N, C-alpha and C. Protein backbone atom coordinates (compact mmCIF):
# COMPACT_ATOMS: atom_id res chain seq x y z
N MET A 1 4.23 -74.06 26.55
CA MET A 1 4.06 -74.90 27.72
C MET A 1 3.60 -74.03 28.88
N ASN A 2 2.54 -74.45 29.53
CA ASN A 2 1.99 -73.69 30.65
C ASN A 2 2.34 -74.41 31.95
N VAL A 3 3.12 -73.74 32.81
CA VAL A 3 3.55 -74.32 34.09
C VAL A 3 2.86 -73.56 35.22
N ASP A 4 2.22 -74.31 36.12
CA ASP A 4 1.58 -73.69 37.28
C ASP A 4 2.64 -73.07 38.18
N PHE A 5 2.30 -71.95 38.84
CA PHE A 5 3.26 -71.26 39.70
C PHE A 5 3.65 -72.07 40.93
N ASP A 6 2.80 -73.05 41.35
CA ASP A 6 3.16 -73.84 42.53
C ASP A 6 3.91 -75.12 42.19
N THR A 7 4.31 -75.28 40.93
CA THR A 7 5.11 -76.42 40.51
C THR A 7 6.57 -76.20 40.89
N PRO A 8 7.20 -77.15 41.61
CA PRO A 8 8.61 -76.98 41.95
C PRO A 8 9.48 -76.87 40.70
N GLN A 9 10.38 -75.89 40.68
CA GLN A 9 11.27 -75.66 39.56
C GLN A 9 12.72 -76.02 39.88
N ARG A 10 13.08 -75.85 41.16
CA ARG A 10 14.45 -76.11 41.60
C ARG A 10 14.42 -76.75 42.97
N MET A 11 15.53 -77.41 43.30
CA MET A 11 15.70 -77.93 44.65
C MET A 11 17.09 -77.53 45.12
N THR A 12 17.18 -77.09 46.35
CA THR A 12 18.44 -76.74 46.97
C THR A 12 18.60 -77.58 48.22
N VAL A 13 19.79 -78.12 48.43
CA VAL A 13 20.10 -78.87 49.65
C VAL A 13 21.17 -78.10 50.40
N VAL A 14 20.91 -77.83 51.68
CA VAL A 14 21.82 -77.00 52.46
C VAL A 14 22.10 -77.61 53.83
N VAL A 15 23.25 -77.22 54.39
CA VAL A 15 23.59 -77.55 55.77
C VAL A 15 23.35 -76.29 56.58
N GLU A 16 22.54 -76.38 57.63
CA GLU A 16 22.17 -75.21 58.43
C GLU A 16 22.50 -75.45 59.91
N LYS A 17 22.94 -74.42 60.59
CA LYS A 17 23.17 -74.51 62.03
C LYS A 17 21.87 -74.15 62.75
N ASN A 18 21.50 -74.94 63.76
CA ASN A 18 20.27 -74.72 64.51
C ASN A 18 20.52 -73.88 65.76
N LYS A 19 19.44 -73.43 66.35
CA LYS A 19 19.53 -72.69 67.62
C LYS A 19 20.09 -73.56 68.74
N SER A 20 19.90 -74.87 68.64
CA SER A 20 20.36 -75.78 69.68
C SER A 20 21.80 -76.24 69.48
N ASP A 21 22.53 -75.53 68.61
CA ASP A 21 23.94 -75.81 68.32
C ASP A 21 24.18 -77.17 67.65
N THR A 22 23.19 -77.68 66.93
CA THR A 22 23.36 -78.86 66.10
C THR A 22 23.25 -78.41 64.64
N TRP A 23 23.45 -79.35 63.74
CA TRP A 23 23.42 -79.03 62.31
C TRP A 23 22.31 -79.82 61.63
N SER A 24 21.63 -79.18 60.70
CA SER A 24 20.56 -79.82 59.93
C SER A 24 20.95 -79.92 58.47
N LEU A 25 20.50 -80.98 57.85
CA LEU A 25 20.57 -81.11 56.40
C LEU A 25 19.14 -80.93 55.93
N ALA A 26 18.91 -79.96 55.08
CA ALA A 26 17.55 -79.64 54.66
C ALA A 26 17.50 -79.43 53.15
N SER A 27 16.35 -79.74 52.58
CA SER A 27 16.13 -79.45 51.17
C SER A 27 15.02 -78.41 51.05
N TYR A 28 15.15 -77.57 50.05
CA TYR A 28 14.13 -76.56 49.74
C TYR A 28 13.66 -76.77 48.32
N LEU A 29 12.35 -76.96 48.14
CA LEU A 29 11.76 -76.97 46.81
C LEU A 29 11.32 -75.55 46.51
N ILE A 30 11.79 -75.01 45.40
CA ILE A 30 11.50 -73.62 45.04
C ILE A 30 10.57 -73.61 43.84
N THR A 31 9.43 -72.94 43.99
CA THR A 31 8.42 -72.91 42.94
C THR A 31 8.70 -71.78 41.95
N ALA A 32 7.94 -71.77 40.87
CA ALA A 32 8.12 -70.77 39.82
C ALA A 32 7.91 -69.35 40.33
N ASP A 33 7.07 -69.18 41.36
CA ASP A 33 6.83 -67.84 41.89
C ASP A 33 7.76 -67.50 43.06
N GLY A 34 8.77 -68.36 43.33
CA GLY A 34 9.78 -68.05 44.34
C GLY A 34 9.50 -68.56 45.73
N GLN A 35 8.37 -69.21 45.96
CA GLN A 35 8.08 -69.74 47.29
C GLN A 35 8.93 -70.96 47.55
N ARG A 36 9.27 -71.17 48.84
CA ARG A 36 10.12 -72.29 49.23
C ARG A 36 9.37 -73.21 50.19
N ARG A 37 9.57 -74.51 50.00
CA ARG A 37 9.05 -75.51 50.92
C ARG A 37 10.24 -76.27 51.49
N ARG A 38 10.38 -76.26 52.81
CA ARG A 38 11.53 -76.87 53.47
C ARG A 38 11.19 -78.28 53.92
N ASN A 39 12.14 -79.19 53.72
CA ASN A 39 12.03 -80.56 54.20
C ASN A 39 13.31 -80.91 54.94
N ALA A 40 13.18 -81.36 56.19
CA ALA A 40 14.36 -81.76 56.97
C ALA A 40 14.80 -83.14 56.52
N LEU A 41 16.10 -83.29 56.30
CA LEU A 41 16.66 -84.58 55.89
C LEU A 41 17.42 -85.25 57.03
N GLY A 42 17.74 -84.48 58.07
CA GLY A 42 18.45 -85.05 59.21
C GLY A 42 19.03 -83.98 60.11
N ILE A 43 19.32 -84.38 61.36
CA ILE A 43 19.94 -83.49 62.34
C ILE A 43 21.22 -84.18 62.81
N PHE A 44 22.31 -83.42 62.90
CA PHE A 44 23.62 -83.98 63.17
C PHE A 44 24.34 -83.17 64.24
N GLU A 45 25.25 -83.82 64.96
CA GLU A 45 26.00 -83.17 66.03
C GLU A 45 27.07 -82.23 65.51
N SER A 46 27.64 -82.53 64.35
CA SER A 46 28.73 -81.69 63.83
C SER A 46 28.50 -81.35 62.37
N TYR A 47 29.19 -80.30 61.93
CA TYR A 47 29.14 -79.90 60.52
C TYR A 47 29.69 -81.02 59.64
N SER A 48 30.75 -81.65 60.09
CA SER A 48 31.37 -82.74 59.35
C SER A 48 30.39 -83.90 59.13
N ASP A 49 29.63 -84.25 60.16
CA ASP A 49 28.62 -85.31 60.03
C ASP A 49 27.55 -84.94 59.01
N ALA A 50 27.13 -83.69 59.05
CA ALA A 50 26.09 -83.22 58.12
C ALA A 50 26.58 -83.24 56.68
N THR A 51 27.83 -82.80 56.45
CA THR A 51 28.35 -82.79 55.08
C THR A 51 28.59 -84.22 54.58
N HIS A 52 28.98 -85.11 55.49
CA HIS A 52 29.15 -86.52 55.10
C HIS A 52 27.79 -87.10 54.68
N ALA A 53 26.74 -86.79 55.41
CA ALA A 53 25.39 -87.26 55.06
C ALA A 53 24.97 -86.69 53.70
N LEU A 54 25.31 -85.43 53.45
CA LEU A 54 25.00 -84.82 52.15
C LEU A 54 25.70 -85.57 51.03
N GLN A 55 26.95 -85.91 51.23
CA GLN A 55 27.68 -86.68 50.22
C GLN A 55 27.03 -88.04 49.98
N GLN A 56 26.60 -88.68 51.05
CA GLN A 56 25.95 -89.97 50.93
C GLN A 56 24.62 -89.86 50.16
N HIS A 57 23.82 -88.84 50.49
CA HIS A 57 22.56 -88.61 49.76
C HIS A 57 22.83 -88.37 48.28
N TRP A 58 23.84 -87.57 47.99
CA TRP A 58 24.16 -87.22 46.60
C TRP A 58 24.58 -88.45 45.80
N GLN A 59 25.38 -89.32 46.40
CA GLN A 59 25.86 -90.52 45.70
C GLN A 59 24.71 -91.47 45.36
N HIS A 60 23.61 -91.41 46.13
CA HIS A 60 22.48 -92.31 45.90
C HIS A 60 21.33 -91.64 45.13
N THR A 61 21.59 -90.44 44.61
CA THR A 61 20.56 -89.72 43.87
C THR A 61 20.78 -89.91 42.38
N SER A 62 19.73 -90.31 41.69
CA SER A 62 19.84 -90.43 40.23
C SER A 62 19.25 -89.18 39.59
N ILE A 63 19.89 -88.77 38.54
CA ILE A 63 19.44 -87.55 37.86
C ILE A 63 18.86 -87.92 36.50
């Protein structure tokens, strides 16, 4: 099987603190050659709000 290097191989979802003291929920698509593409999923006032949003996204994701 031949897979192009720019084909996403993994996805990571993370909670990140911003410079403006808010929290972001972001996903990263990681390609076969290690490059990452970031997508913002939301910005939240607290860490708790961001983790709650992550739980909600996860419950609605089919694998």
